[in-house]
């Protein structure tokens, strides 16, 4: 499984301005065959900090995700409201049961 943890520092009002684009991206991404989980959220104590948590079946699924029309539309929306910073971390991992046995 491929896990992405994305931290985005935005400007005040950017999250609200991008709400429709974020909702469309989340919905379309969740419908992709290799998507296990795809979530946008903002931090409760810092509403200009957004997080994207993504779980993909494999790297091929993630690579396909980057080529799809909803990704291009989201990138266009981000160009209109550029973030102050973005930190992307990708992990290759295996889902384990909780609690561990």
N, C-alpha and C. Protein backbone atom coordinates (compact mmCIF):
# COMPACT_ATOMS: atom_id res chain seq x y z
N UNK A 1 0.84 -1.17 0.00
CA UNK A 1 0.00 0.00 0.00
C UNK A 1 0.89 1.24 0.00
N UNK A 2 0.48 2.24 -0.75
CA UNK A 2 1.18 3.52 -0.81
C UNK A 2 0.37 4.52 0.01
N UNK A 3 1.04 5.23 0.91
CA UNK A 3 0.39 6.23 1.76
C UNK A 3 1.03 7.58 1.51
N UNK A 4 0.21 8.58 1.25
CA UNK A 4 0.68 9.95 1.13
C UNK A 4 0.11 10.76 2.28
N UNK A 5 0.99 11.55 2.89
CA UNK A 5 0.59 12.49 3.93
C UNK A 5 1.03 13.86 3.45
N UNK A 6 0.07 14.69 3.08
CA UNK A 6 0.36 15.99 2.49
C UNK A 6 -0.07 17.08 3.47
N UNK A 7 0.83 18.02 3.74
CA UNK A 7 0.55 19.16 4.61
C UNK A 7 0.66 20.41 3.75
N UNK A 8 -0.42 21.20 3.73
CA UNK A 8 -0.46 22.40 2.90
C UNK A 8 -0.76 23.60 3.80
N UNK A 9 0.12 24.59 3.76
CA UNK A 9 -0.16 25.85 4.45
C UNK A 9 -0.77 26.80 3.43
N UNK A 10 -1.99 27.21 3.68
CA UNK A 10 -2.71 28.08 2.76
C UNK A 10 -2.78 29.50 3.31
N UNK A 11 -3.45 30.33 2.55
CA UNK A 11 -3.70 31.70 2.99
C UNK A 11 -5.13 31.79 3.52
N UNK A 12 -5.43 32.76 4.37
CA UNK A 12 -6.81 32.90 4.85
C UNK A 12 -7.78 33.03 3.67
N UNK A 13 -8.83 32.27 3.71
CA UNK A 13 -9.85 32.31 2.66
C UNK A 13 -9.62 31.34 1.53
N UNK A 14 -8.42 30.78 1.39
CA UNK A 14 -8.14 29.88 0.27
C UNK A 14 -8.93 28.58 0.37
N UNK A 15 -9.06 28.05 1.57
CA UNK A 15 -9.80 26.79 1.74
C UNK A 15 -11.25 27.00 1.32
N UNK A 16 -11.85 28.10 1.78
CA UNK A 16 -13.24 28.40 1.42
C UNK A 16 -13.37 28.59 -0.09
N UNK A 17 -12.42 29.31 -0.70
CA UNK A 17 -12.47 29.57 -2.14
C UNK A 17 -12.32 28.29 -2.95
N UNK A 18 -11.63 27.30 -2.40
CA UNK A 18 -11.38 26.05 -3.13
C UNK A 18 -12.31 24.92 -2.71
N UNK A 19 -13.29 25.20 -1.87
CA UNK A 19 -14.14 24.15 -1.31
C UNK A 19 -14.77 23.26 -2.39
N UNK A 20 -15.29 23.85 -3.44
CA UNK A 20 -15.92 23.06 -4.51
C UNK A 20 -14.89 22.18 -5.22
N UNK A 21 -13.71 22.73 -5.49
CA UNK A 21 -12.65 21.95 -6.15
C UNK A 21 -12.17 20.82 -5.26
N UNK A 22 -12.05 21.10 -3.96
CA UNK A 22 -11.62 20.07 -3.01
C UNK A 22 -12.66 18.95 -2.95
N UNK A 23 -13.93 19.31 -2.85
CA UNK A 23 -14.99 18.30 -2.78
C UNK A 23 -15.02 17.44 -4.03
N UNK A 24 -14.86 18.06 -5.20
CA UNK A 24 -14.86 17.31 -6.46
C UNK A 24 -13.65 16.37 -6.53
N UNK A 25 -12.50 16.85 -6.11
CA UNK A 25 -11.28 16.04 -6.13
C UNK A 25 -11.41 14.84 -5.19
N UNK A 26 -11.92 15.09 -3.99
CA UNK A 26 -12.07 14.01 -3.02
C UNK A 26 -13.04 12.94 -3.54
N UNK A 27 -14.18 13.37 -4.06
CA UNK A 27 -15.19 12.43 -4.55
C UNK A 27 -14.65 11.61 -5.74
N UNK A 28 -14.04 12.27 -6.71
CA UNK A 28 -13.54 11.58 -7.90
C UNK A 28 -12.39 10.64 -7.53
N UNK A 29 -11.52 11.08 -6.65
CA UNK A 29 -10.37 10.24 -6.25
C UNK A 29 -10.83 8.98 -5.54
N UNK A 30 -11.82 9.12 -4.65
CA UNK A 30 -12.34 7.96 -3.93
C UNK A 30 -12.97 6.93 -4.86
N UNK A 31 -13.42 7.38 -6.02
CA UNK A 31 -14.05 6.47 -6.98
C UNK A 31 -13.04 5.74 -7.86
N UNK A 32 -11.77 6.12 -7.79
CA UNK A 32 -10.75 5.46 -8.60
C UNK A 32 -10.54 4.02 -8.11
N UNK A 33 -10.30 3.09 -9.04
CA UNK A 33 -10.16 1.68 -8.67
C UNK A 33 -9.08 1.38 -7.62
N UNK A 34 -7.95 2.07 -7.64
CA UNK A 34 -6.88 1.75 -6.70
C UNK A 34 -6.89 2.56 -5.43
N UNK A 35 -7.89 3.43 -5.26
CA UNK A 35 -7.96 4.28 -4.07
C UNK A 35 -8.56 3.51 -2.90
N UNK A 36 -7.82 3.47 -1.80
CA UNK A 36 -8.30 2.84 -0.57
C UNK A 36 -8.92 3.91 0.33
N UNK A 37 -8.27 5.09 0.40
CA UNK A 37 -8.78 6.20 1.22
C UNK A 37 -8.24 7.51 0.65
N UNK A 38 -9.06 8.55 0.71
CA UNK A 38 -8.66 9.88 0.22
C UNK A 38 -9.43 10.92 1.02
N UNK A 39 -8.72 11.69 1.84
CA UNK A 39 -9.38 12.62 2.75
C UNK A 39 -8.67 13.96 2.76
N UNK A 40 -9.44 15.04 2.61
CA UNK A 40 -8.97 16.39 2.85
C UNK A 40 -9.48 16.81 4.22
N UNK A 41 -8.69 17.57 4.97
CA UNK A 41 -9.18 18.13 6.22
C UNK A 41 -8.37 19.38 6.55
N UNK A 42 -8.90 20.17 7.45
CA UNK A 42 -8.16 21.32 7.97
C UNK A 42 -7.94 21.10 9.46
N UNK A 43 -6.88 21.68 9.98
CA UNK A 43 -6.59 21.55 11.39
C UNK A 43 -7.56 22.41 12.20
N UNK A 44 -8.07 21.88 13.28
CA UNK A 44 -9.04 22.58 14.11
C UNK A 44 -8.46 23.88 14.66
N UNK A 45 -7.24 23.83 15.13
CA UNK A 45 -6.63 25.01 15.75
C UNK A 45 -5.87 25.91 14.79
N UNK A 46 -5.82 25.51 13.53
CA UNK A 46 -5.12 26.32 12.53
C UNK A 46 -5.79 26.11 11.18
N UNK A 47 -6.86 26.84 10.88
CA UNK A 47 -7.63 26.59 9.67
C UNK A 47 -6.92 26.89 8.36
N UNK A 48 -5.70 27.45 8.42
CA UNK A 48 -4.94 27.62 7.18
C UNK A 48 -4.01 26.44 6.90
N UNK A 49 -4.05 25.42 7.77
CA UNK A 49 -3.29 24.19 7.56
C UNK A 49 -4.24 23.11 7.05
N UNK A 50 -4.03 22.67 5.82
CA UNK A 50 -4.82 21.59 5.25
C UNK A 50 -3.99 20.32 5.24
N UNK A 51 -4.68 19.21 5.31
CA UNK A 51 -4.04 17.90 5.20
C UNK A 51 -4.76 17.09 4.14
N UNK A 52 -3.99 16.31 3.41
CA UNK A 52 -4.55 15.31 2.50
C UNK A 52 -3.93 13.98 2.91
N UNK A 53 -4.77 13.02 3.20
CA UNK A 53 -4.31 11.68 3.54
C UNK A 53 -4.81 10.76 2.43
N UNK A 54 -3.87 10.09 1.79
CA UNK A 54 -4.21 9.21 0.67
C UNK A 54 -3.63 7.82 0.91
N UNK A 55 -4.43 6.80 0.63
CA UNK A 55 -3.97 5.41 0.66
C UNK A 55 -4.30 4.82 -0.71
N UNK A 56 -3.29 4.27 -1.36
CA UNK A 56 -3.45 3.67 -2.69
C UNK A 56 -3.03 2.22 -2.66
N UNK A 57 -3.71 1.40 -3.44
CA UNK A 57 -3.42 -0.03 -3.51
C UNK A 57 -1.98 -0.28 -3.90
N UNK A 58 -1.48 0.51 -4.85
CA UNK A 58 -0.11 0.33 -5.33
C UNK A 58 0.35 1.59 -6.06
N UNK A 59 1.61 1.63 -6.41
CA UNK A 59 2.18 2.81 -7.06
C UNK A 59 1.57 3.04 -8.45
N UNK A 60 1.19 1.99 -9.13
CA UNK A 60 0.56 2.14 -10.45
C UNK A 60 -0.75 2.91 -10.32
N UNK A 61 -1.53 2.62 -9.28
CA UNK A 61 -2.79 3.34 -9.05
C UNK A 61 -2.53 4.82 -8.79
N UNK A 62 -1.51 5.13 -8.02
CA UNK A 62 -1.17 6.52 -7.74
C UNK A 62 -0.71 7.23 -9.01
N UNK A 63 0.12 6.58 -9.80
CA UNK A 63 0.58 7.18 -11.06
C UNK A 63 -0.60 7.46 -12.00
N UNK A 64 -1.55 6.56 -12.06
CA UNK A 64 -2.74 6.78 -12.88
C UNK A 64 -3.53 7.98 -12.36
N UNK A 65 -3.66 8.08 -11.04
CA UNK A 65 -4.37 9.20 -10.40
C UNK A 65 -3.85 10.55 -10.90
N UNK A 66 -2.54 10.66 -11.04
CA UNK A 66 -1.94 11.92 -11.46
C UNK A 66 -2.27 12.29 -12.91
N UNK A 67 -2.76 11.34 -13.70
CA UNK A 67 -3.04 11.60 -15.12
C UNK A 67 -4.51 11.89 -15.41
N UNK A 68 -5.37 11.80 -14.41
CA UNK A 68 -6.80 11.88 -14.64
C UNK A 68 -7.31 13.33 -14.69
N UNK A 69 -8.44 13.55 -15.39
CA UNK A 69 -8.96 14.91 -15.55
C UNK A 69 -9.26 15.65 -14.24
N UNK A 70 -9.72 14.94 -13.21
CA UNK A 70 -10.01 15.65 -11.96
C UNK A 70 -8.74 16.16 -11.29
N UNK A 71 -7.61 15.50 -11.54
CA UNK A 71 -6.33 15.99 -11.01
C UNK A 71 -5.93 17.27 -11.73
N UNK A 72 -6.12 17.30 -13.04
CA UNK A 72 -5.81 18.51 -13.82
C UNK A 72 -6.70 19.67 -13.38
N UNK A 73 -7.98 19.41 -13.14
CA UNK A 73 -8.90 20.46 -12.69
C UNK A 73 -8.50 20.98 -11.31
N UNK A 74 -8.09 20.07 -10.42
CA UNK A 74 -7.67 20.49 -9.09
C UNK A 74 -6.38 21.31 -9.16
N UNK A 75 -5.45 20.90 -10.00
CA UNK A 75 -4.21 21.66 -10.16
C UNK A 75 -4.49 23.07 -10.67
N UNK A 76 -5.47 23.20 -11.55
CA UNK A 76 -5.85 24.52 -12.04
C UNK A 76 -6.40 25.38 -10.90
N UNK A 77 -7.23 24.79 -10.05
CA UNK A 77 -7.78 25.52 -8.90
C UNK A 77 -6.67 25.95 -7.94
N UNK A 78 -5.69 25.09 -7.75
CA UNK A 78 -4.57 25.42 -6.85
C UNK A 78 -3.73 26.56 -7.43
N UNK A 79 -3.59 26.60 -8.74
CA UNK A 79 -2.84 27.71 -9.36
C UNK A 79 -3.52 29.05 -9.08
N UNK A 80 -4.84 29.06 -8.95
CA UNK A 80 -5.57 30.29 -8.66
C UNK A 80 -5.45 30.70 -7.19
N UNK A 81 -5.14 29.76 -6.33
CA UNK A 81 -5.00 29.99 -4.89
C UNK A 81 -3.75 29.28 -4.39
N UNK A 82 -2.58 29.72 -4.81
CA UNK A 82 -1.35 28.98 -4.46
C UNK A 82 -1.10 28.92 -2.96
N UNK A 83 -0.67 27.76 -2.50
CA UNK A 83 -0.36 27.61 -1.07
C UNK A 83 0.94 28.33 -0.73
N UNK A 84 1.08 28.65 0.56
CA UNK A 84 2.34 29.22 1.04
C UNK A 84 3.43 28.16 1.01
N UNK A 85 3.05 26.93 1.37
CA UNK A 85 4.00 25.82 1.37
C UNK A 85 3.25 24.51 1.24
N UNK A 86 3.98 23.49 0.79
CA UNK A 86 3.41 22.15 0.68
C UNK A 86 4.51 21.15 1.00
N UNK A 87 4.17 20.21 1.87
CA UNK A 87 5.10 19.15 2.26
C UNK A 87 4.43 17.81 1.97
N UNK A 88 5.02 17.03 1.08
CA UNK A 88 4.45 15.74 0.68
C UNK A 88 5.38 14.63 1.14
N UNK A 89 4.82 13.70 1.88
CA UNK A 89 5.59 12.52 2.30
C UNK A 89 4.87 11.29 1.77
N UNK A 90 5.64 10.39 1.17
CA UNK A 90 5.07 9.16 0.62
C UNK A 90 5.72 7.97 1.33
N UNK A 91 4.88 7.01 1.71
CA UNK A 91 5.35 5.83 2.43
C UNK A 91 4.86 4.58 1.72
N UNK A 92 5.67 3.56 1.75
CA UNK A 92 5.28 2.25 1.24
C UNK A 92 5.07 1.39 2.48
N UNK A 93 3.85 0.97 2.69
CA UNK A 93 3.58 0.24 3.93
C UNK A 93 2.55 -0.85 3.76
N UNK A 94 2.38 -1.59 4.81
CA UNK A 94 1.40 -2.66 4.86
C UNK A 94 0.43 -2.34 5.99
N UNK A 95 -0.85 -2.47 5.70
CA UNK A 95 -1.85 -2.26 6.74
C UNK A 95 -1.80 -3.42 7.72
N UNK A 96 -1.75 -3.11 8.99
CA UNK A 96 -1.70 -4.12 10.04
C UNK A 96 -2.97 -4.05 10.87
N UNK A 97 -3.39 -5.15 11.45
CA UNK A 97 -4.58 -5.12 12.31
C UNK A 97 -4.28 -4.33 13.57
N UNK A 98 -5.31 -3.72 14.13
CA UNK A 98 -5.15 -3.02 15.39
C UNK A 98 -6.18 -3.54 16.36
N UNK A 99 -5.82 -3.85 17.55
CA UNK A 99 -4.46 -3.81 18.07
C UNK A 99 -3.61 -4.93 17.48
N UNK A 100 -2.29 -4.72 17.46
CA UNK A 100 -1.40 -5.77 16.92
C UNK A 100 -1.55 -7.06 17.70
N UNK A 101 -1.40 -8.14 17.01
CA UNK A 101 -1.50 -9.45 17.68
C UNK A 101 -0.15 -9.95 18.09
